[in-house]
Amino acid sequence: MSRVDIYKTKRHRRQQCIGAVILFVLILTVGILTVDQVTNDLVAGQRRFSIATLESRGNYLEITFMNWTFYINLEYINRDIEKLRQLF
């Protein structure tokens, strides 16, 4: 095989591998979201995704991802945004 054919074959193989990885991630994501929705429908009676939720609780933003809860204090963020607005 010539040098051009070798690199053409490598490029084609790389494109196939990238396509396979993208397809794998897509199928995995759709499967996880489907299972989450069906489980939430059976347990809670609500047809929605609950794998990740965002809720505003006063000065806090509650982020829940797979039953891990994170709180972000919005008071500091709002104060910094206000300082930036005054600067411009």
PDB file of N, CA and C in Angstrom:
ATOM      1  N   MET A   1       0.840  -1.180   0.000  1.00  0.00           N
ATOM      2  CA  MET A   1       0.000   0.000   0.000  1.00  0.00           C
ATOM      3  C   MET A   1       0.887   1.245   0.000  1.00  0.00           C
ATOM      4  N   SER A   2       0.400   2.230  -0.670  1.00  0.00           N
ATOM      5  CA  SER A   2       1.150   3.480  -0.712  1.00  0.00           C
ATOM      6  C   SER A   2       0.902   4.285   0.564  1.00  0.00           C
ATOM      7  N   ARG A   3       1.711   5.317   0.734  1.00  0.00           N
ATOM      8  CA  ARG A   3       1.605   6.165   1.919  1.00  0.00           C
ATOM      9  C   ARG A   3       0.229   6.830   2.000  1.00  0.00           C
ATOM     10  N   VAL A   4      -0.303   7.251   0.872  1.00  0.00           N
ATOM     11  CA  VAL A   4      -1.615   7.915   0.845  1.00  0.00           C
ATOM     12  C   VAL A   4      -2.708   6.950   1.284  1.00  0.00           C
ATOM     13  N   ASP A   5      -2.637   5.703   0.820  1.00  0.00           N
ATOM     14  CA  ASP A   5      -3.647   4.716   1.196  1.00  0.00           C
ATOM     15  C   ASP A   5      -3.582   4.373   2.682  1.00  0.00           C
ATOM     16  N   ILE A   6      -2.367   4.334   3.237  1.00  0.00           N
ATOM     17  CA  ILE A   6      -2.221   4.030   4.666  1.00  0.00           C
ATOM     18  C   ILE A   6      -2.888   5.115   5.503  1.00  0.00           C
ATOM     19  N   TYR A   7      -2.624   6.376   5.189  1.00  0.00           N
ATOM     20  CA  TYR A   7      -3.219   7.477   5.958  1.00  0.00           C
ATOM     21  C   TYR A   7      -4.717   7.594   5.722  1.00  0.00           C
ATOM     22  N   LYS A   8      -5.157   7.246   4.528  1.00  0.00           N
ATOM     23  CA  LYS A   8      -6.591   7.253   4.238  1.00  0.00           C
ATOM     24  C   LYS A   8      -7.298   6.186   5.081  1.00  0.00           C
ATOM     25  N   THR A   9      -6.675   5.009   5.198  1.00  0.00           N
ATOM     26  CA  THR A   9      -7.239   3.935   6.017  1.00  0.00           C
ATOM     27  C   THR A   9      -7.255   4.326   7.489  1.00  0.00           C
ATOM     28  N   LYS A  10      -6.163   4.953   7.978  1.00  0.00           N
ATOM     29  CA  LYS A  10      -6.111   5.400   9.371  1.00  0.00           C
ATOM     30  C   LYS A  10      -7.192   6.437   9.653  1.00  0.00           C
ATOM     31  N   ARG A  11      -7.378   7.386   8.740  1.00  0.00           N
ATOM     32  CA  ARG A  11      -8.386   8.433   8.931  1.00  0.00           C
ATOM     33  C   ARG A  11      -9.786   7.824   8.966  1.00  0.00           C
ATOM     34  N   HIS A  12     -10.032   6.861   8.066  1.00  0.00           N
ATOM     35  CA  HIS A  12     -11.347   6.214   8.021  1.00  0.00           C
ATOM     36  C   HIS A  12     -11.596   5.432   9.312  1.00  0.00           C
ATOM     37  N   ARG A  13     -10.576   4.718   9.813  1.00  0.00           N
ATOM     38  CA  ARG A  13     -10.713   3.967  11.059  1.00  0.00           C
ATOM     39  C   ARG A  13     -10.952   4.890  12.244  1.00  0.00           C
ATOM     40  N   ARG A  14     -10.250   6.041  12.280  1.00  0.00           N
ATOM     41  CA  ARG A  14     -10.428   7.012  13.363  1.00  0.00           C
ATOM     42  C   ARG A  14     -11.843   7.569  13.339  1.00  0.00           C
ATOM     43  N   GLN A  15     -12.372   7.877  12.164  1.00  0.00           N
ATOM     44  CA  GLN A  15     -13.742   8.388  12.056  1.00  0.00           C
ATOM     45  C   GLN A  15     -14.745   7.348  12.528  1.00  0.00           C
ATOM     46  N   GLN A  16     -14.504   6.091  12.218  1.00  0.00           N
ATOM     47  CA  GLN A  16     -15.401   5.032  12.681  1.00  0.00           C
ATOM     48  C   GLN A  16     -15.363   4.898  14.196  1.00  0.00           C
ATOM     49  N   CYS A  17     -14.173   4.997  14.792  1.00  0.00           N
ATOM     50  CA  CYS A  17     -14.053   4.901  16.253  1.00  0.00           C
ATOM     51  C   CYS A  17     -14.755   6.072  16.935  1.00  0.00           C
ATOM     52  N   ILE A  18     -14.572   7.273  16.414  1.00  0.00           N
ATOM     53  CA  ILE A  18     -15.231   8.447  16.986  1.00  0.00           C
ATOM     54  C   ILE A  18     -16.741   8.316  16.857  1.00  0.00           C
ATOM     55  N   GLY A  19     -17.211   7.846  15.721  1.00  0.00           N
ATOM     56  CA  GLY A  19     -18.644   7.636  15.522  1.00  0.00           C
ATOM     57  C   GLY A  19     -19.208   6.592  16.475  1.00  0.00           C
ATOM     58  N   ALA A  20     -18.439   5.524  16.719  1.00  0.00           N
ATOM     59  CA  ALA A  20     -18.883   4.481  17.645  1.00  0.00           C
ATOM     60  C   ALA A  20     -18.960   5.017  19.073  1.00  0.00           C
ATOM     61  N   VAL A  21     -17.996   5.836  19.477  1.00  0.00           N
ATOM     62  CA  VAL A  21     -18.013   6.416  20.828  1.00  0.00           C
ATOM     63  C   VAL A  21     -19.197   7.363  20.983  1.00  0.00           C
ATOM     64  N   ILE A  22     -19.443   8.196  19.990  1.00  0.00           N
ATOM     65  CA  ILE A  22     -20.579   9.128  20.046  1.00  0.00           C
ATOM     66  C   ILE A  22     -21.899   8.364  20.114  1.00  0.00           C
ATOM     67  N   LEU A  23     -22.026   7.309  19.313  1.00  0.00           N
ATOM     68  CA  LEU A  23     -23.242   6.498  19.331  1.00  0.00           C
ATOM     69  C   LEU A  23     -23.412   5.808  20.686  1.00  0.00           C
ATOM     70  N   PHE A  24     -22.327   5.304  21.269  1.00  0.00           N
ATOM     71  CA  PHE A  24     -22.375   4.668  22.581  1.00  0.00           C
ATOM     72  C   PHE A  24     -22.857   5.645  23.655  1.00  0.00           C
ATOM     73  N   VAL A  25     -22.295   6.850  23.668  1.00  0.00           N
ATOM     74  CA  VAL A  25     -22.682   7.856  24.658  1.00  0.00           C
ATOM     75  C   VAL A  25     -24.149   8.247  24.470  1.00  0.00           C
ATOM     76  N   LEU A  26     -24.587   8.390  23.237  1.00  0.00           N
ATOM     77  CA  LEU A  26     -25.984   8.744  22.956  1.00  0.00           C
ATOM     78  C   LEU A  26     -26.936   7.654  23.450  1.00  0.00           C
ATOM     79  N   ILE A  27     -26.634   6.393  23.137  1.00  0.00           N
ATOM     80  CA  ILE A  27     -27.498   5.287  23.565  1.00  0.00           C
ATOM     81  C   ILE A  27     -27.500   5.168  25.085  1.00  0.00           C
ATOM     82  N   LEU A  28     -26.340   5.346  25.713  1.00  0.00           N
ATOM     83  CA  LEU A  28     -26.257   5.280  27.168  1.00  0.00           C
ATOM     84  C   LEU A  28     -27.073   6.389  27.826  1.00  0.00           C
ATOM     85  N   THR A  29     -26.979   7.610  27.303  1.00  0.00           N
ATOM     86  CA  THR A  29     -27.726   8.739  27.856  1.00  0.00           C
ATOM     87  C   THR A  29     -29.233   8.536  27.702  1.00  0.00           C
ATOM     88  N   VAL A  30     -29.659   8.120  26.533  1.00  0.00           N
ATOM     89  CA  VAL A  30     -31.091   7.890  26.303  1.00  0.00           C
ATOM     90  C   VAL A  30     -31.597   6.771  27.207  1.00  0.00           C
ATOM     91  N   GLY A  31     -30.808   5.725  27.387  1.00  0.00           N
ATOM     92  CA  GLY A  31     -31.210   4.627  28.264  1.00  0.00           C
ATOM     93  C   GLY A  31     -31.346   5.061  29.708  1.00  0.00           C
ATOM     94  N   ILE A  32     -30.379   5.832  30.198  1.00  0.00           N
ATOM     95  CA  ILE A  32     -30.441   6.309  31.587  1.00  0.00           C
ATOM     96  C   ILE A  32     -31.641   7.220  31.793  1.00  0.00           C
ATOM     97  N   LEU A  33     -31.889   8.126  30.846  1.00  0.00           N
ATOM     98  CA  LEU A  33     -33.037   9.028  30.984  1.00  0.00           C
ATOM     99  C   LEU A  33     -34.356   8.275  30.909  1.00  0.00           C
ATOM    100  N   THR A  34     -34.435   7.250  30.072  1.00  0.00           N
ATOM    101  CA  THR A  34     -35.662   6.457  29.974  1.00  0.00           C
ATOM    102  C   THR A  34     -35.933   5.705  31.269  1.00  0.00           C
ATOM    103  N   VAL A  35     -34.902   5.087  31.824  1.00  0.00           N
ATOM    104  CA  VAL A  35     -35.066   4.362  33.085  1.00  0.00           C
ATOM    105  C   VAL A  35     -35.450   5.323  34.205  1.00  0.00           C
ATOM    106  N   ASP A  36     -34.842   6.508  34.217  1.00  0.00           N
ATOM    107  CA  ASP A  36     -35.170   7.503  35.252  1.00  0.00           C
ATOM    108  C   ASP A  36     -36.628   7.933  35.159  1.00  0.00           C
ATOM    109  N   GLN A  37     -37.100   8.172  33.949  1.00  0.00           N
ATOM    110  CA  GLN A  37     -38.484   8.612  33.777  1.00  0.00           C
ATOM    111  C   GLN A  37     -39.463   7.506  34.157  1.00  0.00           C
ATOM    112  N   VAL A  38     -39.205   6.279  33.746  1.00  0.00           N
ATOM    113  CA  VAL A  38     -40.114   5.173  34.052  1.00  0.00           C
ATOM    114  C   VAL A  38     -40.124   4.892  35.550  1.00  0.00           C
ATOM    115  N   THR A  39     -38.952   4.915  36.179  1.00  0.00           N
ATOM    116  CA  THR A  39     -38.886   4.682  37.621  1.00  0.00           C
ATOM    117  C   THR A  39     -39.619   5.769  38.387  1.00  0.00           C
ATOM    118  N   ASN A  40     -39.439   7.010  37.975  1.00  0.00           N
ATOM    119  CA  ASN A  40     -40.131   8.114  38.634  1.00  0.00           C
ATOM    120  C   ASN A  40     -41.641   8.009  38.429  1.00  0.00           C
ATOM    121  N   ASP A  41     -42.068   7.527  37.282  1.00  0.00           N
ATOM    122  CA  ASP A  41     -43.499   7.346  37.023  1.00  0.00           C
ATOM    123  C   ASP A  41     -44.071   6.248  37.922  1.00  0.00           C
ATOM    124  N   LEU A  42     -43.333   5.162  38.091  1.00  0.00           N
ATOM    125  CA  LEU A  42     -43.822   4.064  38.921  1.00  0.00           C
ATOM    126  C   LEU A  42     -43.820   4.429  40.400  1.00  0.00           C
ATOM    127  N   VAL A  43     -42.790   5.109  40.863  1.00  0.00           N
ATOM    128  CA  VAL A  43     -42.659   5.383  42.291  1.00  0.00           C
ATOM    129  C   VAL A  43     -43.468   6.600  42.705  1.00  0.00           C
ATOM    130  N   ALA A  44     -43.319   7.709  41.975  1.00  0.00           N
ATOM    131  CA  ALA A  44     -43.933   8.964  42.399  1.00  0.00           C
ATOM    132  C   ALA A  44     -45.192   9.313  41.610  1.00  0.00           C
ATOM    133  N   GLY A  45     -45.442   8.632  40.530  1.00  0.00           N
ATOM    134  CA  GLY A  45     -46.622   8.928  39.737  1.00  0.00           C
ATOM    135  C   GLY A  45     -46.481  10.173  38.884  1.00  0.00           C
ATOM    136  N   GLN A  46     -45.258  10.621  38.666  1.00  0.00           N
ATOM    137  CA  GLN A  46     -45.010  11.806  37.839  1.00  0.00           C
ATOM    138  C   GLN A  46     -44.127  11.409  36.661  1.00  0.00           C
ATOM    139  N   ARG A  47     -44.557  11.793  35.472  1.00  0.00           N
ATOM    140  CA  ARG A  47     -43.758  11.466  34.285  1.00  0.00           C
ATOM    141  C   ARG A  47     -42.796  12.610  33.999  1.00  0.00           C
ATOM    142  N   ARG A  48     -41.672  12.607  34.681  1.00  0.00           N
ATOM    143  CA  ARG A  48     -40.657  13.628  34.466  1.00  0.00           C
ATOM    144  C   ARG A  48     -39.309  13.056  34.849  1.00  0.00           C
ATOM    145  N   PHE A  49     -38.260  13.757  34.448  1.00  0.00           N
ATOM    146  CA  PHE A  49     -36.912  13.339  34.797  1.00  0.00           C
ATOM    147  C   PHE A  49     -36.570  13.873  36.179  1.00  0.00           C
ATOM    148  N   SER A  50     -35.978  13.035  36.997  1.00  0.00           N
ATOM    149  CA  SER A  50     -35.587  13.486  38.331  1.00  0.00           C
ATOM    150  C   SER A  50     -34.125  13.175  38.608  1.00  0.00           C
ATOM    151  N   ILE A  51     -33.379  12.849  37.596  1.00  0.00           N
ATOM    152  CA  ILE A  51     -31.964  12.553  37.800  1.00  0.00           C
ATOM    153  C   ILE A  51     -31.211  13.826  38.178  1.00  0.00           C
ATOM    154  N   ALA A  52     -31.683  14.962  37.695  1.00  0.00           N
ATOM    155  CA  ALA A  52     -31.090  16.251  38.052  1.00  0.00           C
ATOM    156  C   ALA A  52     -32.211  17.274  38.157  1.00  0.00           C
ATOM    157  N   THR A  53     -32.227  18.009  39.278  1.00  0.00           N
ATOM    158  CA  THR A  53     -33.248  19.038  39.471  1.00  0.00           C
ATOM    159  C   THR A  53     -32.605  20.318  39.984  1.00  0.00           C
ATOM    160  N   LEU A  54     -33.224  21.431  39.652  1.00  0.00           N
ATOM    161  CA  LEU A  54     -32.826  22.750  40.128  1.00  0.00           C
ATOM    162  C   LEU A  54     -34.028  23.381  40.820  1.00  0.00           C
ATOM    163  N   GLU A  55     -33.814  23.860  42.043  1.00  0.00           N
ATOM    164  CA  GLU A  55     -34.884  24.527  42.765  1.00  0.00           C
ATOM    165  C   GLU A  55     -34.339  25.767  43.439  1.00  0.00           C
ATOM    166  N   SER A  56     -35.102  26.851  43.385  1.00  0.00           N
ATOM    167  CA  SER A  56     -34.715  28.079  44.060  1.00  0.00           C
ATOM    168  C   SER A  56     -35.383  28.123  45.424  1.00  0.00           C
ATOM    169  N   ARG A  57     -34.584  28.309  46.457  1.00  0.00           N
ATOM    170  CA  ARG A  57     -35.085  28.373  47.829  1.00  0.00           C
ATOM    171  C   ARG A  57     -34.578  29.658  48.471  1.00  0.00           C
ATOM    172  N   GLY A  58     -35.251  30.759  48.171  1.00  0.00           N
ATOM    173  CA  GLY A  58     -34.847  32.057  48.723  1.00  0.00           C
ATOM    174  C   GLY A  58     -33.512  32.502  48.152  1.00  0.00           C
ATOM    175  N   ASN A  59     -32.508  32.623  49.004  1.00  0.00           N
ATOM    176  CA  ASN A  59     -31.185  33.045  48.563  1.00  0.00           C
ATOM    177  C   ASN A  59     -30.302  31.879  48.135  1.00  0.00           C
ATOM    178  N   TYR A  60     -30.860  30.684  48.125  1.00  0.00           N
ATOM    179  CA  TYR A  60     -30.085  29.508  47.776  1.00  0.00           C
ATOM    180  C   TYR A  60     -30.644  28.847  46.529  1.00  0.00           C
ATOM    181  N   LEU A  61     -29.746  28.270  45.746  1.00  0.00           N
ATOM    182  CA  LEU A  61     -30.125  27.449  44.602  1.00  0.00           C
ATOM    183  C   LEU A  61     -29.782  26.016  44.973  1.00  0.00           C
ATOM    184  N   GLU A  62     -30.773  25.159  44.979  1.00  0.00           N
ATOM    185  CA  GLU A  62     -30.564  23.761  45.344  1.00  0.00           C
ATOM    186  C   GLU A  62     -30.431  22.936  44.068  1.00  0.00           C
ATOM    187  N   ILE A  63     -29.308  22.291  43.919  1.00  0.00           N
ATOM    188  CA  ILE A  63     -29.049  21.430  42.769  1.00  0.00           C
ATOM    189  C   ILE A  63     -28.971  20.000  43.276  1.00  0.00           C
ATOM    190  N   THR A  64     -29.825  19.133  42.756  1.00  0.00           N
ATOM    191  CA  THR A  64     -29.830  17.732  43.141  1.00  0.00           C
ATOM    192  C   THR A  64     -29.481  16.907  41.911  1.00  0.00           C
ATOM    193  N   PHE A  65     -28.412  16.137  42.029  1.00  0.00           N
ATOM    194  CA  PHE A  65     -27.984  15.258  40.938  1.00  0.00           C
ATOM    195  C   PHE A  65     -27.756  13.868  41.518  1.00  0.00           C
ATOM    196  N   MET A  66     -28.612  12.936  41.120  1.00  0.00           N
ATOM    197  CA  MET A  66     -28.545  11.555  41.578  1.00  0.00           C
ATOM    198  C   MET A  66     -28.509  11.471  43.108  1.00  0.00           C
ATOM    199  N   ASN A  67     -29.428  12.167  43.756  1.00  0.00           N
ATOM    200  CA  ASN A  67     -29.608  12.211  45.213  1.00  0.00           C
ATOM    201  C   ASN A  67     -28.439  12.855  45.945  1.00  0.00           C
ATOM    202  N   TRP A  68     -27.581  13.547  45.263  1.00  0.00           N
ATOM    203  CA  TRP A  68     -26.558  14.381  45.896  1.00  0.00           C
ATOM    204  C   TRP A  68     -27.065  15.801  45.809  1.00  0.00           C
ATOM    205  N   THR A  69     -27.131  16.494  46.929  1.00  0.00           N
ATOM    206  CA  THR A  69     -27.673  17.842  46.966  1.00  0.00           C
ATOM    207  C   THR A  69     -26.550  18.845  47.195  1.00  0.00           C
ATOM    208  N   PHE A  70     -26.549  19.874  46.358  1.00  0.00           N
ATOM    209  CA  PHE A  70     -25.590  20.961  46.467  1.00  0.00           C
ATOM    210  C   PHE A  70     -26.368  22.258  46.626  1.00  0.00           C
ATOM    211  N   TYR A  71     -25.881  23.134  47.482  1.00  0.00           N
ATOM    212  CA  TYR A  71     -26.503  24.428  47.694  1.00  0.00           C
ATOM    213  C   TYR A  71     -25.536  25.513  47.248  1.00  0.00           C
ATOM    214  N   ILE A  72     -26.050  26.461  46.480  1.00  0.00           N
ATOM    215  CA  ILE A  72     -25.257  27.607  46.043  1.00  0.00           C
ATOM    216  C   ILE A  72     -25.918  28.855  46.612  1.00  0.00           C
ATOM    217  N   ASN A  73     -25.130  29.643  47.349  1.00  0.00           N
ATOM    218  CA  ASN A  73     -25.634  30.871  47.946  1.00  0.00           C
ATOM    219  C   ASN A  73     -25.645  31.960  46.867  1.00  0.00           C
ATOM    220  N   LEU A  74     -26.829  32.416  46.494  1.00  0.00           N
ATOM    221  CA  LEU A  74     -26.972  33.398  45.423  1.00  0.00           C
ATOM    222  C   LEU A  74     -26.698  34.822  45.880  1.00  0.00           C
ATOM    223  N   GLU A  75     -26.636  35.037  47.173  1.00  0.00           N
ATOM    224  CA  GLU A  75     -26.411  36.383  47.692  1.00  0.00           C
ATOM    225  C   GLU A  75     -25.055  36.925  47.207  1.00  0.00           C
ATOM    226  N   TYR A  76     -24.038  36.090  47.274  1.00  0.00           N
ATOM    227  CA  TYR A  76     -22.705  36.524  46.857  1.00  0.00           C
ATOM    228  C   TYR A  76     -22.631  36.727  45.339  1.00  0.00           C
ATOM    229  N   ILE A  77     -23.284  35.859  44.597  1.00  0.00           N
ATOM    230  CA  ILE A  77     -23.282  35.980  43.139  1.00  0.00           C
ATOM    231  C   ILE A  77     -24.007  37.247  42.715  1.00  0.00           C
ATOM    232  N   ASN A  78     -25.169  37.518  43.325  1.00  0.00           N
ATOM    233  CA  ASN A  78     -25.916  38.734  42.995  1.00  0.00           C
ATOM    234  C   ASN A  78     -25.126  39.984  43.348  1.00  0.00           C
ATOM    235  N   ARG A  79     -24.424  39.964  44.470  1.00  0.00           N
ATOM    236  CA  ARG A  79     -23.612  41.106  44.883  1.00  0.00           C
ATOM    237  C   ARG A  79     -22.482  41.358  43.873  1.00  0.00           C
ATOM    238  N   ASP A  80     -21.834  40.297  43.424  1.00  0.00           N
ATOM    239  CA  ASP A  80     -20.751  40.449  42.454  1.00  0.00           C
ATOM    240  C   ASP A  80     -21.256  40.926  41.096  1.00  0.00           C
ATOM    241  N   ILE A  81     -22.422  40.453  40.690  1.00  0.00           N
ATOM    242  CA  ILE A  81     -23.014  40.914  39.428  1.00  0.00           C
ATOM    243  C   ILE A  81     -23.357  42.388  39.520  1.00  0.00           C
ATOM    244  N   GLU A  82     -23.873  42.804  40.668  1.00  0.00           N
ATOM    245  CA  GLU A  82     -24.211  44.224  40.861  1.00  0.00           C
ATOM    246  C   GLU A  82     -22.951  45.081  40.803  1.00  0.00           C
ATOM    247  N   LYS A  83     -21.850  44.617  41.373  1.00  0.00           N
ATOM    248  CA  LYS A  83     -20.580  45.351  41.296  1.00  0.00           C
ATOM    249  C   LYS A  83     -20.094  45.468  39.853  1.00  0.00           C
ATOM    250  N   LEU A  84     -20.269  44.393  39.092  1.00  0.00           N
ATOM    251  CA  LEU A  84     -19.874  44.420  37.674  1.00  0.00           C
ATOM    252  C   LEU A  84     -20.730  45.405  36.878  1.00  0.00           C
ATOM    253  N   ARG A  85     -22.027  45.448  37.172  1.00  0.00           N
ATOM    254  CA  ARG A  85     -22.907  46.399  36.487  1.00  0.00           C
ATOM    255  C   ARG A  85     -22.502  47.835  36.779  1.00  0.00           C
ATOM    256  N   GLN A  86     -22.147  48.105  38.012  1.00  0.00           N
ATOM    257  CA  GLN A  86     -21.723  49.465  38.375  1.00  0.00           C
ATOM    258  C   GLN A  86     -20.398  49.810  37.725  1.00  0.00           C
ATOM    259  N   LEU A  87     -19.554  48.818  37.512  1.00  0.00           N
ATOM    260  CA  LEU A  87     -18.264  49.057  36.874  1.00  0.00           C
ATOM    261  C   LEU A  87     -18.441  49.461  35.412  1.00  0.00           C
ATOM    262  N   PHE A  88     -19.411  48.863  34.747  1.00  0.00           N
ATOM    263  CA  PHE A  88     -19.639  49.174  33.331  1.00  0.00           C
ATOM    264  C   PHE A  88     -20.720  50.221  33.208  1.00  0.00           C
TER     265      PHE A  88
END
